[in-house]
Amino acid sequence: MGGMNALKTAQQRRETLWIRDPEQLNALVSPVRQGIMDRLEAAGPCTVADLAQHLQLAQDALYYHVRKLEGVGLLVRVDTRKGEG
């Protein structure tokens, strides 16, 4: 993941996200993945480095969890580069 990419929850709005998919529910059983989701909901889009610092975990330890959350549609990557002009 490059320095210009950030993560955000798939539904970064203030509406309730109803989880009905068993795979999504299983993904949220992990305390680390729940911490990732909680942080992104509170802070908005963050890089893995930001998440690692806040959660006090190594970046390498988070990539597995990030991929799991992406795989079930709970996280999406966003490009944070500003347009050049």
Protein backbone atom coordinates (compact mmCIF):
# COMPACT_ATOMS: atom_id res chain seq x y z
CA MET A 1 0.00 0.00 0.00
CA GLY A 2 1.56 3.29 -1.07
CA GLY A 3 1.82 6.42 1.00
CA MET A 4 -0.90 8.11 -1.03
CA ASN A 5 -3.58 5.53 -0.29
CA ALA A 6 -5.81 5.59 2.73
CA LEU A 7 -8.53 3.32 4.01
CA LYS A 8 -12.07 4.19 4.93
CA THR A 9 -15.08 2.19 5.96
CA ALA A 10 -17.29 1.17 3.08
CA GLN A 11 -20.05 3.33 4.52
CA GLN A 12 -18.34 6.40 5.96
CA ARG A 13 -21.66 8.10 6.66
CA ARG A 14 -23.52 8.64 9.88
CA GLU A 15 -26.21 6.14 8.89
CA THR A 16 -26.44 2.79 10.59
CA LEU A 17 -24.62 0.03 8.74
CA TRP A 18 -26.64 -3.15 9.07
CA ILE A 19 -24.48 -6.24 8.82
CA ARG A 20 -26.46 -9.16 7.47
CA ASP A 21 -23.71 -11.08 5.71
CA PRO A 22 -22.22 -13.85 7.90
CA GLU A 23 -18.76 -13.26 6.36
CA GLN A 24 -18.86 -9.61 7.44
CA LEU A 25 -19.95 -10.62 10.92
CA ASN A 26 -17.14 -13.17 11.16
CA ALA A 27 -14.63 -10.55 10.04
CA LEU A 28 -15.67 -8.30 12.92
CA VAL A 29 -15.11 -10.99 15.57
CA SER A 30 -11.41 -10.08 15.67
CA PRO A 31 -10.60 -7.37 18.23
CA VAL A 32 -7.94 -6.00 15.87
CA ARG A 33 -10.39 -5.69 12.99
CA GLN A 34 -12.98 -4.12 15.29
CA GLY A 35 -10.31 -1.63 16.39
CA ILE A 36 -9.55 -0.79 12.76
CA MET A 37 -13.22 -0.16 12.03
CA ASP A 38 -13.69 1.89 15.20
CA ARG A 39 -10.68 4.07 14.39
CA LEU A 40 -11.76 4.68 10.80
CA GLU A 41 -15.28 5.58 11.88
CA ALA A 42 -13.92 8.03 14.47
CA ALA A 43 -11.07 9.58 12.46
CA GLY A 44 -12.11 9.16 8.86
CA PRO A 45 -9.77 7.86 6.17
CA CYS A 46 -6.38 6.77 7.53
CA THR A 47 -3.30 5.08 6.17
CA VAL A 48 -2.13 1.75 7.55
CA ALA A 49 0.73 3.67 9.19
CA ASP A 50 -1.78 5.91 11.00
CA LEU A 51 -3.79 2.89 12.12
CA ALA A 52 -0.67 1.09 13.31
CA GLN A 53 0.40 4.06 15.38
CA HIS A 54 -3.03 4.51 16.95
CA LEU A 55 -3.56 0.79 17.62
CA GLN A 56 0.06 0.36 18.75
CA LEU A 57 0.64 -2.53 16.35
CA ALA A 58 3.19 -3.12 13.61
CA GLN A 59 2.04 -2.12 10.13
CA ASP A 60 2.87 -5.61 8.88
CA ALA A 61 0.50 -7.07 11.45
CA LEU A 62 -2.39 -4.97 10.13
CA TYR A 63 -2.23 -5.87 6.44
CA TYR A 64 -3.83 -9.29 6.96
CA HIS A 65 -6.71 -7.71 8.85
CA VAL A 66 -7.13 -4.89 6.33
CA ARG A 67 -7.30 -7.40 3.46
CA LYS A 68 -9.90 -9.43 5.36
CA LEU A 69 -12.08 -6.35 5.90
CA GLU A 70 -11.66 -5.31 2.27
CA GLY A 71 -12.51 -8.80 1.11
CA VAL A 72 -15.91 -8.72 2.79
CA GLY A 73 -16.67 -5.18 1.63
CA LEU A 74 -16.29 -3.37 4.94
CA LEU A 75 -13.24 -1.30 3.92
CA VAL A 76 -12.29 0.44 0.71
CA ARG A 77 -9.04 2.10 -0.38
CA VAL A 78 -9.16 5.73 -1.37
CA ASP A 79 -6.60 7.83 -3.23
CA THR A 80 -5.66 10.87 -1.17
CA ARG A 81 -3.40 12.54 -3.76
CA LYS A 82 -4.40 16.08 -4.56
CA GLY A 83 -4.84 17.07 -8.18
CA GLU A 84 -1.85 18.78 -9.70
CA GLY A 85 -2.53 21.79 -11.73
